[in-house]
Amino acid sequence: MSTPSSNPNKDIEKVEVRLKWDPSEFGESPNDLDIIAGTYVADAPFGAPDYLVHFDSRSPDGTITLNRDSRTGQGLGFDEVMTLELDRLAERYVRVLVGVAIQQRDGRKTFGGVAGTGVQIREGYTELGRDDFSGVASATAAVVAEFTRDGSGIWTFHPGLRGFEGDPGTFAAEMGGEGPSGRLT
C-alpha cells in the first residue's frame, strides 16, 4: 500500500474507501469485488467483528455506509465506495478493518486474474493510501485499511495490504484475527 509522505496520520474523522476493477471478458463470469468493513470493540479487538458492513448490510448507527455497489465493474471511475464516519462511531469501538473480497461463485478468482484493480483510501481531498493489489495477486481477499482508536479517542490509519485465501464469508470471519489462518501475507 503506497502512502503519500505528506499524510496527516492522526485525527482521522471521515474516510472514503474507493474500489475499482474492469469487467470480465465476454463469455466469462462477472468479476464481482466487494468492500467489507468490520468493527471491533475494546473488549475484543481481534477475532470476529462486532458487526460487518457490506453489500447486503449496513451499520446499525449509520456511521459506515456503502454508497455504491457494483456486481460487474462496468462504468467509469470507482465501482464501489464506502464511507466511514469514525468520529461518530461509539466509544466502545477501537478498531475498524476494511477489506476487499472477490465473489467466488463460478470458480476461483484472484486479484491477479481481475484486470484494472485499484483501491484508494482518502479523507476529504487527502489521499491516505492507494494500491493495485499486485502485492497480493494470488489472494482472493485482502485487508486494505486498519483504523485504531487510542485511549484519548484519536483515530489512526495504519496502511498495509494483507492477502487472504477463501470466500467472502470466510474472509469476513477471519480478517480481524491475530493468527495466520487464511492469511497469505
N, C-alpha and C. Protein backbone atom coordinates (compact mmCIF):
# COMPACT_ATOMS: atom_id res chain seq x y z
N MET A 1 0.86 -1.17 0.00
CA MET A 1 0.00 0.00 0.00
C MET A 1 0.90 1.21 0.00
N SER A 2 0.77 2.02 -1.01
CA SER A 2 1.57 3.25 -1.03
C SER A 2 0.88 4.31 -0.19
N THR A 3 1.70 5.08 0.52
CA THR A 3 1.19 6.12 1.40
C THR A 3 1.97 7.40 1.12
N PRO A 4 1.28 8.47 0.75
CA PRO A 4 1.97 9.73 0.49
C PRO A 4 2.72 10.20 1.73
N SER A 5 3.89 10.82 1.51
CA SER A 5 4.72 11.26 2.64
C SER A 5 4.10 12.42 3.40
N SER A 6 3.22 13.17 2.78
CA SER A 6 2.60 14.31 3.46
C SER A 6 1.32 13.91 4.18
N ASN A 7 1.14 12.65 4.43
CA ASN A 7 -0.06 12.09 5.03
C ASN A 7 -0.23 12.52 6.48
N PRO A 8 -1.31 13.22 6.82
CA PRO A 8 -1.59 13.51 8.23
C PRO A 8 -2.20 12.27 8.86
N ASN A 9 -1.43 11.55 9.63
CA ASN A 9 -1.81 10.20 10.06
C ASN A 9 -2.72 10.16 11.27
N LYS A 10 -3.00 11.30 11.93
CA LYS A 10 -3.85 11.26 13.12
C LYS A 10 -5.08 12.13 12.93
N ASP A 11 -6.00 12.00 13.88
CA ASP A 11 -7.26 12.74 13.84
C ASP A 11 -8.08 12.41 12.60
N ILE A 12 -8.12 11.16 12.26
CA ILE A 12 -8.93 10.71 11.13
C ILE A 12 -10.40 10.80 11.57
N GLU A 13 -11.24 11.42 10.76
CA GLU A 13 -12.64 11.59 11.13
C GLU A 13 -13.59 10.88 10.17
N LYS A 14 -13.55 11.26 8.91
CA LYS A 14 -14.46 10.69 7.91
C LYS A 14 -13.63 10.24 6.72
N VAL A 15 -13.72 8.95 6.43
CA VAL A 15 -12.87 8.34 5.41
C VAL A 15 -13.74 7.74 4.31
N GLU A 16 -13.20 7.78 3.11
CA GLU A 16 -13.85 7.14 1.98
C GLU A 16 -12.90 6.10 1.41
N VAL A 17 -13.41 4.87 1.21
CA VAL A 17 -12.66 3.80 0.57
C VAL A 17 -13.30 3.57 -0.78
N ARG A 18 -12.47 3.69 -1.83
CA ARG A 18 -12.97 3.60 -3.20
C ARG A 18 -12.29 2.43 -3.90
N LEU A 19 -13.08 1.62 -4.60
CA LEU A 19 -12.60 0.40 -5.24
C LEU A 19 -12.99 0.40 -6.71
N LYS A 20 -12.06 -0.04 -7.57
CA LYS A 20 -12.37 -0.15 -8.99
C LYS A 20 -11.78 -1.44 -9.55
N TRP A 21 -12.38 -1.89 -10.64
CA TRP A 21 -11.88 -3.05 -11.39
C TRP A 21 -12.54 -3.05 -12.75
N ASP A 22 -11.95 -3.80 -13.68
CA ASP A 22 -12.50 -3.89 -15.02
C ASP A 22 -13.48 -5.05 -15.11
N PRO A 23 -14.48 -4.93 -15.99
CA PRO A 23 -15.41 -6.04 -16.20
C PRO A 23 -14.67 -7.26 -16.76
N SER A 24 -15.26 -8.42 -16.59
CA SER A 24 -14.67 -9.64 -17.13
C SER A 24 -14.77 -9.64 -18.66
N GLU A 25 -13.98 -10.50 -19.25
CA GLU A 25 -14.02 -10.67 -20.71
C GLU A 25 -15.38 -11.26 -21.10
N PHE A 26 -15.78 -10.99 -22.35
CA PHE A 26 -17.05 -11.52 -22.86
C PHE A 26 -17.07 -13.04 -22.73
N GLY A 27 -18.16 -13.57 -22.20
CA GLY A 27 -18.33 -15.01 -22.04
C GLY A 27 -17.84 -15.55 -20.72
N GLU A 28 -17.10 -14.76 -19.94
CA GLU A 28 -16.63 -15.19 -18.62
C GLU A 28 -17.61 -14.72 -17.56
N SER A 29 -17.58 -15.40 -16.40
CA SER A 29 -18.44 -14.96 -15.29
C SER A 29 -18.00 -13.58 -14.83
N PRO A 30 -18.95 -12.77 -14.35
CA PRO A 30 -18.63 -11.39 -13.95
C PRO A 30 -17.60 -11.33 -12.82
N ASN A 31 -16.74 -10.32 -12.89
CA ASN A 31 -15.84 -10.01 -11.78
C ASN A 31 -16.66 -9.21 -10.78
N ASP A 32 -16.80 -9.72 -9.58
CA ASP A 32 -17.60 -9.06 -8.55
C ASP A 32 -16.76 -8.94 -7.29
N LEU A 33 -16.27 -7.73 -7.03
CA LEU A 33 -15.48 -7.45 -5.84
C LEU A 33 -16.34 -6.66 -4.86
N ASP A 34 -16.14 -6.88 -3.58
CA ASP A 34 -16.94 -6.23 -2.56
C ASP A 34 -16.07 -5.63 -1.46
N ILE A 35 -16.43 -4.42 -1.04
CA ILE A 35 -15.80 -3.80 0.13
C ILE A 35 -16.54 -4.31 1.36
N ILE A 36 -15.76 -4.70 2.37
CA ILE A 36 -16.32 -5.21 3.63
C ILE A 36 -15.62 -4.47 4.78
N ALA A 37 -16.39 -3.94 5.71
CA ALA A 37 -15.82 -3.30 6.90
C ALA A 37 -16.26 -4.08 8.14
N GLY A 38 -15.32 -4.28 9.05
CA GLY A 38 -15.61 -4.95 10.31
C GLY A 38 -15.24 -4.04 11.47
N THR A 39 -16.11 -3.99 12.49
CA THR A 39 -15.85 -3.18 13.67
C THR A 39 -15.52 -4.08 14.85
N TYR A 40 -14.63 -3.58 15.71
CA TYR A 40 -14.14 -4.37 16.84
C TYR A 40 -14.20 -3.52 18.10
N VAL A 41 -14.67 -4.13 19.19
CA VAL A 41 -14.83 -3.42 20.46
C VAL A 41 -13.59 -3.56 21.32
N ALA A 42 -13.47 -2.70 22.33
CA ALA A 42 -12.30 -2.68 23.20
C ALA A 42 -12.08 -4.02 23.89
N ASP A 43 -13.16 -4.70 24.28
CA ASP A 43 -13.04 -5.98 24.98
C ASP A 43 -12.63 -7.12 24.05
N ALA A 44 -12.77 -6.95 22.73
CA ALA A 44 -12.43 -7.99 21.76
C ALA A 44 -11.94 -7.34 20.46
N PRO A 45 -10.73 -6.75 20.49
CA PRO A 45 -10.25 -6.04 19.31
C PRO A 45 -9.77 -6.94 18.18
N PHE A 46 -9.70 -8.24 18.43
CA PHE A 46 -9.28 -9.20 17.41
C PHE A 46 -10.31 -10.32 17.34
N GLY A 47 -10.26 -11.09 16.26
CA GLY A 47 -11.19 -12.20 16.09
C GLY A 47 -12.38 -11.79 15.26
N ALA A 48 -13.54 -12.27 15.64
CA ALA A 48 -14.77 -11.97 14.90
C ALA A 48 -15.20 -10.53 15.16
N PRO A 49 -15.65 -9.84 14.13
CA PRO A 49 -16.09 -8.44 14.32
C PRO A 49 -17.40 -8.36 15.09
N ASP A 50 -17.62 -7.22 15.73
CA ASP A 50 -18.89 -6.97 16.41
C ASP A 50 -20.01 -6.89 15.39
N TYR A 51 -19.75 -6.20 14.28
CA TYR A 51 -20.68 -6.22 13.15
C TYR A 51 -19.91 -5.94 11.87
N LEU A 52 -20.52 -6.34 10.75
CA LEU A 52 -19.95 -6.15 9.42
C LEU A 52 -20.84 -5.22 8.61
N VAL A 53 -20.21 -4.49 7.70
CA VAL A 53 -20.94 -3.70 6.71
C VAL A 53 -20.45 -4.15 5.35
N HIS A 54 -21.39 -4.51 4.48
CA HIS A 54 -21.06 -4.95 3.12
C HIS A 54 -22.26 -4.70 2.23
N PHE A 55 -22.27 -5.29 1.04
CA PHE A 55 -23.30 -5.01 0.05
C PHE A 55 -24.72 -5.29 0.52
N ASP A 56 -24.90 -6.14 1.48
CA ASP A 56 -26.24 -6.54 1.89
C ASP A 56 -26.54 -6.19 3.34
N SER A 57 -25.76 -5.24 3.90
CA SER A 57 -25.98 -4.85 5.29
C SER A 57 -25.51 -3.40 5.48
N ARG A 58 -25.79 -2.88 6.66
CA ARG A 58 -25.35 -1.53 6.98
C ARG A 58 -25.02 -1.48 8.46
N SER A 59 -24.34 -0.42 8.88
CA SER A 59 -24.03 -0.29 10.30
C SER A 59 -25.31 0.10 11.03
N PRO A 60 -25.51 -0.40 12.25
CA PRO A 60 -26.73 -0.11 12.98
C PRO A 60 -26.93 1.37 13.28
N ASP A 61 -25.84 2.13 13.39
CA ASP A 61 -25.94 3.54 13.73
C ASP A 61 -25.74 4.48 12.55
N GLY A 62 -25.55 3.94 11.35
CA GLY A 62 -25.40 4.75 10.15
C GLY A 62 -24.03 5.39 9.98
N THR A 63 -23.03 4.95 10.74
CA THR A 63 -21.71 5.56 10.65
C THR A 63 -20.85 4.98 9.53
N ILE A 64 -21.22 3.79 9.05
CA ILE A 64 -20.49 3.16 7.94
C ILE A 64 -21.52 2.81 6.87
N THR A 65 -21.35 3.36 5.68
CA THR A 65 -22.32 3.12 4.61
C THR A 65 -21.62 2.77 3.31
N LEU A 66 -22.23 1.86 2.58
CA LEU A 66 -21.78 1.52 1.24
C LEU A 66 -22.59 2.39 0.29
N ASN A 67 -21.93 3.36 -0.33
CA ASN A 67 -22.61 4.34 -1.17
C ASN A 67 -22.80 3.87 -2.59
N ARG A 68 -21.98 2.98 -3.03
CA ARG A 68 -22.06 2.49 -4.41
C ARG A 68 -21.64 1.02 -4.41
N ASP A 69 -22.42 0.18 -5.10
CA ASP A 69 -22.15 -1.24 -5.18
C ASP A 69 -22.24 -1.68 -6.63
N SER A 70 -21.26 -2.43 -7.09
CA SER A 70 -21.27 -2.95 -8.46
C SER A 70 -21.09 -4.46 -8.42
N ARG A 71 -21.74 -5.14 -9.33
CA ARG A 71 -21.57 -6.59 -9.44
C ARG A 71 -20.76 -6.98 -10.66
N THR A 72 -20.34 -5.98 -11.44
CA THR A 72 -19.66 -6.29 -12.70
C THR A 72 -18.40 -5.46 -12.95
N GLY A 73 -18.23 -4.32 -12.31
CA GLY A 73 -17.11 -3.45 -12.60
C GLY A 73 -17.34 -2.55 -13.80
N GLN A 74 -18.55 -2.55 -14.34
CA GLN A 74 -18.85 -1.71 -15.50
C GLN A 74 -19.07 -0.28 -15.05
N GLY A 75 -18.68 0.64 -15.91
CA GLY A 75 -18.86 2.06 -15.62
C GLY A 75 -17.54 2.76 -15.52
N LEU A 76 -17.60 4.04 -15.34
CA LEU A 76 -16.40 4.86 -15.26
C LEU A 76 -16.04 5.14 -13.81
N GLY A 77 -14.77 5.31 -13.54
CA GLY A 77 -14.32 5.67 -12.20
C GLY A 77 -14.37 4.50 -11.23
N PHE A 78 -14.71 4.82 -10.00
CA PHE A 78 -14.72 3.80 -8.95
C PHE A 78 -16.06 3.08 -8.93
N ASP A 79 -16.01 1.76 -8.79
CA ASP A 79 -17.20 0.92 -8.87
C ASP A 79 -17.91 0.76 -7.53
N GLU A 80 -17.16 0.79 -6.44
CA GLU A 80 -17.74 0.71 -5.10
C GLU A 80 -17.10 1.78 -4.23
N VAL A 81 -17.92 2.39 -3.38
CA VAL A 81 -17.44 3.42 -2.47
C VAL A 81 -18.09 3.21 -1.11
N MET A 82 -17.27 3.21 -0.06
CA MET A 82 -17.76 3.08 1.31
C MET A 82 -17.28 4.28 2.11
N THR A 83 -18.18 4.85 2.91
CA THR A 83 -17.84 5.97 3.79
C THR A 83 -17.86 5.49 5.23
N LEU A 84 -16.81 5.85 5.96
CA LEU A 84 -16.69 5.51 7.38
C LEU A 84 -16.59 6.81 8.17
N GLU A 85 -17.59 7.09 9.00
CA GLU A 85 -17.57 8.27 9.86
C GLU A 85 -17.05 7.84 11.22
N LEU A 86 -15.74 7.73 11.31
CA LEU A 86 -15.09 7.24 12.52
C LEU A 86 -15.35 8.15 13.71
N ASP A 87 -15.44 9.45 13.47
CA ASP A 87 -15.66 10.40 14.57
C ASP A 87 -17.03 10.24 15.22
N ARG A 88 -17.97 9.58 14.54
CA ARG A 88 -19.31 9.35 15.09
C ARG A 88 -19.49 7.95 15.66
N LEU A 89 -18.50 7.08 15.47
CA LEU A 89 -18.59 5.70 15.94
C LEU A 89 -18.57 5.68 17.47
N ALA A 90 -19.41 4.85 18.08
CA ALA A 90 -19.49 4.75 19.54
C ALA A 90 -18.12 4.49 20.15
N GLU A 91 -17.89 5.02 21.34
CA GLU A 91 -16.59 4.92 22.01
C GLU A 91 -16.13 3.49 22.25
N ARG A 92 -17.06 2.55 22.32
CA ARG A 92 -16.66 1.16 22.58
C ARG A 92 -15.92 0.53 21.42
N TYR A 93 -16.01 1.14 20.23
CA TYR A 93 -15.30 0.62 19.06
C TYR A 93 -13.90 1.22 19.00
N VAL A 94 -12.89 0.34 18.94
CA VAL A 94 -11.50 0.79 18.96
C VAL A 94 -10.72 0.36 17.72
N ARG A 95 -11.34 -0.43 16.88
CA ARG A 95 -10.64 -0.92 15.68
C ARG A 95 -11.66 -1.12 14.58
N VAL A 96 -11.32 -0.67 13.37
CA VAL A 96 -12.14 -0.90 12.19
C VAL A 96 -11.22 -1.39 11.08
N LEU A 97 -11.56 -2.52 10.50
CA LEU A 97 -10.81 -3.05 9.36
C LEU A 97 -11.68 -2.93 8.12
N VAL A 98 -11.04 -2.60 7.00
CA VAL A 98 -11.73 -2.56 5.72
C VAL A 98 -11.01 -3.52 4.79
N GLY A 99 -11.78 -4.36 4.14
CA GLY A 99 -11.21 -5.33 3.23
C GLY A 99 -11.96 -5.37 1.92
N VAL A 100 -11.39 -6.10 0.98
CA VAL A 100 -12.00 -6.33 -0.32
C VAL A 100 -11.98 -7.83 -0.56
N ALA A 101 -13.13 -8.37 -0.96
CA ALA A 101 -13.24 -9.80 -1.25
C ALA A 101 -13.81 -10.00 -2.64
N ILE A 102 -13.32 -11.02 -3.32
CA ILE A 102 -13.82 -11.36 -4.65
C ILE A 102 -14.85 -12.47 -4.49
N GLN A 103 -16.03 -12.26 -5.05
CA GLN A 103 -17.05 -13.31 -5.02
C GLN A 103 -16.53 -14.51 -5.81
N GLN A 104 -16.77 -15.71 -5.27
CA GLN A 104 -16.22 -16.94 -5.84
C GLN A 104 -17.33 -17.85 -6.38
N ARG A 105 -18.33 -17.27 -7.03
CA ARG A 105 -19.48 -18.05 -7.49
C ARG A 105 -19.14 -19.12 -8.53
N ASP A 106 -18.36 -18.76 -9.53
CA ASP A 106 -18.13 -19.64 -10.67
C ASP A 106 -16.67 -20.04 -10.80
N GLY A 107 -16.07 -20.51 -9.74
CA GLY A 107 -14.67 -20.89 -9.77
C GLY A 107 -13.81 -19.88 -9.05
N ARG A 108 -12.57 -20.23 -8.84
CA ARG A 108 -11.65 -19.40 -8.06
C ARG A 108 -11.14 -18.22 -8.88
N LYS A 109 -11.30 -17.02 -8.32
CA LYS A 109 -10.76 -15.81 -8.94
C LYS A 109 -9.85 -15.14 -7.93
N THR A 110 -8.72 -14.65 -8.41
CA THR A 110 -7.75 -13.95 -7.56
C THR A 110 -7.59 -12.51 -8.08
N PHE A 111 -6.94 -11.68 -7.28
CA PHE A 111 -6.71 -10.31 -7.71
C PHE A 111 -5.88 -10.27 -8.99
N GLY A 112 -4.95 -11.21 -9.14
CA GLY A 112 -4.14 -11.27 -10.35
C GLY A 112 -4.94 -11.60 -11.59
N GLY A 113 -6.11 -12.22 -11.41
CA GLY A 113 -6.96 -12.59 -12.53
C GLY A 113 -8.04 -11.56 -12.86
N VAL A 114 -8.06 -10.46 -12.15
CA VAL A 114 -9.04 -9.40 -12.38
C VAL A 114 -8.27 -8.16 -12.84
N ALA A 115 -8.56 -7.71 -14.03
CA ALA A 115 -7.83 -6.57 -14.60
C ALA A 115 -8.30 -5.24 -14.00
N GLY A 116 -7.38 -4.29 -13.96
CA GLY A 116 -7.71 -2.92 -13.60
C GLY A 116 -8.08 -2.68 -12.15
N THR A 117 -7.62 -3.55 -11.24
CA THR A 117 -8.00 -3.38 -9.83
C THR A 117 -7.26 -2.20 -9.20
N GLY A 118 -7.93 -1.54 -8.29
CA GLY A 118 -7.32 -0.45 -7.55
C GLY A 118 -8.18 -0.06 -6.37
N VAL A 119 -7.54 0.36 -5.29
CA VAL A 119 -8.24 0.84 -4.12
C VAL A 119 -7.58 2.15 -3.69
N GLN A 120 -8.40 3.06 -3.24
CA GLN A 120 -7.92 4.36 -2.76
C GLN A 120 -8.62 4.65 -1.44
N ILE A 121 -7.84 5.10 -0.46
CA ILE A 121 -8.38 5.48 0.85
C ILE A 121 -8.08 6.96 1.02
N ARG A 122 -9.11 7.73 1.32
CA ARG A 122 -8.88 9.17 1.45
C ARG A 122 -9.79 9.78 2.50
N GLU A 123 -9.30 10.88 3.06
CA GLU A 123 -10.09 11.70 3.97
C GLU A 123 -10.19 13.07 3.31
N GLY A 124 -11.38 13.42 2.88
CA GLY A 124 -11.56 14.66 2.11
C GLY A 124 -10.74 14.58 0.84
N TYR A 125 -9.88 15.56 0.63
CA TYR A 125 -9.01 15.57 -0.55
C TYR A 125 -7.64 14.97 -0.29
N THR A 126 -7.42 14.51 0.94
CA THR A 126 -6.12 13.93 1.29
C THR A 126 -6.14 12.43 1.06
N GLU A 127 -5.22 11.98 0.22
CA GLU A 127 -5.11 10.55 -0.02
C GLU A 127 -4.28 9.93 1.09
N LEU A 128 -4.87 8.95 1.78
CA LEU A 128 -4.17 8.24 2.85
C LEU A 128 -3.41 7.05 2.31
N GLY A 129 -3.93 6.43 1.28
CA GLY A 129 -3.27 5.27 0.69
C GLY A 129 -3.93 4.84 -0.59
N ARG A 130 -3.17 4.07 -1.38
CA ARG A 130 -3.70 3.50 -2.63
C ARG A 130 -2.91 2.25 -2.96
N ASP A 131 -3.55 1.32 -3.66
CA ASP A 131 -2.88 0.10 -4.06
C ASP A 131 -3.58 -0.50 -5.27
N ASP A 132 -2.86 -1.36 -6.00
CA ASP A 132 -3.44 -2.03 -7.17
C ASP A 132 -3.56 -3.54 -6.97
N PHE A 133 -3.32 -4.04 -5.76
CA PHE A 133 -3.43 -5.45 -5.38
C PHE A 133 -2.36 -6.34 -6.00
N SER A 134 -1.37 -5.77 -6.68
CA SER A 134 -0.33 -6.61 -7.30
C SER A 134 0.50 -7.34 -6.24
N GLY A 135 0.61 -6.78 -5.05
CA GLY A 135 1.35 -7.44 -3.97
C GLY A 135 0.63 -8.64 -3.38
N VAL A 136 -0.64 -8.81 -3.69
CA VAL A 136 -1.43 -9.96 -3.21
C VAL A 136 -2.16 -10.60 -4.39
N ALA A 137 -1.46 -10.72 -5.52
CA ALA A 137 -2.08 -11.21 -6.76
C ALA A 137 -2.69 -12.60 -6.63
N SER A 138 -2.15 -13.45 -5.78
CA SER A 138 -2.69 -14.81 -5.65
C SER A 138 -3.81 -14.92 -4.61
N ALA A 139 -4.15 -13.82 -3.96
CA ALA A 139 -5.18 -13.80 -2.92
C ALA A 139 -6.57 -13.63 -3.51
N THR A 140 -7.57 -14.08 -2.77
CA THR A 140 -8.97 -13.90 -3.15
C THR A 140 -9.65 -12.81 -2.33
N ALA A 141 -8.94 -12.32 -1.31
CA ALA A 141 -9.45 -11.24 -0.45
C ALA A 141 -8.24 -10.56 0.19
N ALA A 142 -8.45 -9.33 0.67
CA ALA A 142 -7.35 -8.61 1.32
C ALA A 142 -7.89 -7.54 2.25
N VAL A 143 -7.20 -7.37 3.38
CA VAL A 143 -7.44 -6.21 4.23
C VAL A 143 -6.68 -5.06 3.58
N VAL A 144 -7.36 -3.92 3.39
CA VAL A 144 -6.74 -2.77 2.72
C VAL A 144 -6.52 -1.59 3.66
N ALA A 145 -7.18 -1.58 4.82
CA ALA A 145 -7.02 -0.47 5.75
C ALA A 145 -7.36 -0.93 7.16
N GLU A 146 -6.62 -0.38 8.12
CA GLU A 146 -6.90 -0.61 9.54
C GLU A 146 -6.90 0.75 10.22
N PHE A 147 -7.94 0.99 11.00
CA PHE A 147 -8.06 2.21 11.78
C PHE A 147 -8.17 1.80 13.24
N THR A 148 -7.38 2.43 14.11
CA THR A 148 -7.46 2.15 15.54
C THR A 148 -7.64 3.45 16.30
N ARG A 149 -8.36 3.32 17.43
CA ARG A 149 -8.61 4.48 18.29
C ARG A 149 -7.82 4.31 19.58
N ASP A 150 -7.08 5.36 19.96
CA ASP A 150 -6.31 5.29 21.20
C ASP A 150 -7.17 5.70 22.38
N GLY A 151 -6.60 5.68 23.57
CA GLY A 151 -7.32 6.00 24.79
C GLY A 151 -7.87 7.41 24.85
N SER A 152 -7.30 8.33 24.07
CA SER A 152 -7.81 9.71 24.07
C SER A 152 -8.86 9.93 22.99
N GLY A 153 -9.20 8.88 22.26
CA GLY A 153 -10.26 8.98 21.25
C GLY A 153 -9.79 9.33 19.85
N ILE A 154 -8.48 9.41 19.63
CA ILE A 154 -7.94 9.77 18.31
C ILE A 154 -7.80 8.52 17.45
N TRP A 155 -8.33 8.60 16.23
CA TRP A 155 -8.24 7.51 15.27
C TRP A 155 -6.95 7.65 14.45
N THR A 156 -6.29 6.53 14.22
CA THR A 156 -5.07 6.49 13.42
C THR A 156 -5.24 5.49 12.29
N PHE A 157 -4.76 5.85 11.12
CA PHE A 157 -4.78 4.98 9.95
C PHE A 157 -3.47 4.20 9.88
N HIS A 158 -3.58 2.89 9.66
CA HIS A 158 -2.41 2.03 9.52
C HIS A 158 -2.43 1.43 8.11
N PRO A 159 -1.56 1.90 7.22
CA PRO A 159 -1.55 1.37 5.86
C PRO A 159 -1.00 -0.04 5.85
N GLY A 160 -1.34 -0.76 4.81
CA GLY A 160 -0.83 -2.11 4.64
C GLY A 160 -1.85 -2.96 3.91
N LEU A 161 -1.37 -3.93 3.21
CA LEU A 161 -2.22 -4.83 2.44
C LEU A 161 -1.90 -6.24 2.89
N ARG A 162 -2.92 -6.98 3.36
CA ARG A 162 -2.74 -8.36 3.80
C ARG A 162 -3.69 -9.25 3.01
N GLY A 163 -3.13 -10.17 2.25
CA GLY A 163 -3.95 -11.06 1.43
C GLY A 163 -4.45 -12.25 2.21
N PHE A 164 -5.62 -12.77 1.78
CA PHE A 164 -6.25 -13.93 2.39
C PHE A 164 -6.71 -14.88 1.30
N GLU A 165 -6.90 -16.11 1.69
CA GLU A 165 -7.44 -17.14 0.81
C GLU A 165 -8.80 -17.54 1.35
N GLY A 166 -9.77 -17.65 0.48
CA GLY A 166 -11.09 -18.10 0.90
C GLY A 166 -12.19 -17.26 0.28
N ASP A 167 -13.41 -17.67 0.56
CA ASP A 167 -14.56 -16.94 0.03
C ASP A 167 -14.85 -15.73 0.92
N PRO A 168 -15.74 -14.83 0.49
CA PRO A 168 -16.03 -13.63 1.27
C PRO A 168 -16.50 -13.92 2.70
N GLY A 169 -17.29 -14.95 2.91
CA GLY A 169 -17.77 -15.28 4.26
C GLY A 169 -16.64 -15.68 5.19
N THR A 170 -15.75 -16.51 4.70
CA THR A 170 -14.59 -16.94 5.50
C THR A 170 -13.69 -15.75 5.80
N PHE A 171 -13.45 -14.94 4.79
CA PHE A 171 -12.62 -13.75 4.97
C PHE A 171 -13.20 -12.82 6.03
N ALA A 172 -14.50 -12.55 5.96
CA ALA A 172 -15.15 -11.63 6.91
C ALA A 172 -15.00 -12.13 8.34
N ALA A 173 -15.05 -13.45 8.53
CA ALA A 173 -14.93 -14.02 9.88
C ALA A 173 -13.49 -14.00 10.38
N GLU A 174 -12.51 -14.06 9.47
CA GLU A 174 -11.11 -14.19 9.87
C GLU A 174 -10.27 -12.92 9.71
N MET A 175 -10.79 -11.89 9.04
CA MET A 175 -9.97 -10.73 8.71
C MET A 175 -9.45 -9.98 9.93
N GLY A 176 -10.11 -10.09 11.07
CA GLY A 176 -9.68 -9.37 12.27
C GLY A 176 -8.83 -10.17 13.22
N GLY A 177 -8.49 -11.40 12.84
CA GLY A 177 -7.72 -12.25 13.73
C GLY A 177 -6.26 -11.90 13.80
N GLU A 178 -5.62 -12.36 14.87
CA GLU A 178 -4.18 -12.16 15.03
C GLU A 178 -3.41 -13.29 14.37
N GLY A 179 -4.02 -14.44 14.23
CA GLY A 179 -3.35 -15.61 13.69
C GLY A 179 -3.34 -15.65 12.17
N PRO A 180 -2.55 -16.54 11.58
CA PRO A 180 -2.39 -16.59 10.13
C PRO A 180 -3.41 -17.44 9.40
N SER A 181 -4.47 -17.92 10.04
CA SER A 181 -5.40 -18.89 9.46
C SER A 181 -5.52 -18.83 7.95
N GLY A 182 -6.24 -17.85 7.41
CA GLY A 182 -6.38 -17.77 5.96
C GLY A 182 -5.46 -16.74 5.34
N ARG A 183 -4.61 -16.14 6.13
CA ARG A 183 -3.77 -15.03 5.68
C ARG A 183 -2.63 -15.53 4.80
N LEU A 184 -2.39 -14.84 3.71
CA LEU A 184 -1.30 -15.17 2.81
C LEU A 184 -0.08 -14.30 3.06
N THR A 185 -0.28 -13.02 3.36
CA THR A 185 0.87 -12.13 3.55
C THR A 185 0.71 -11.32 4.81
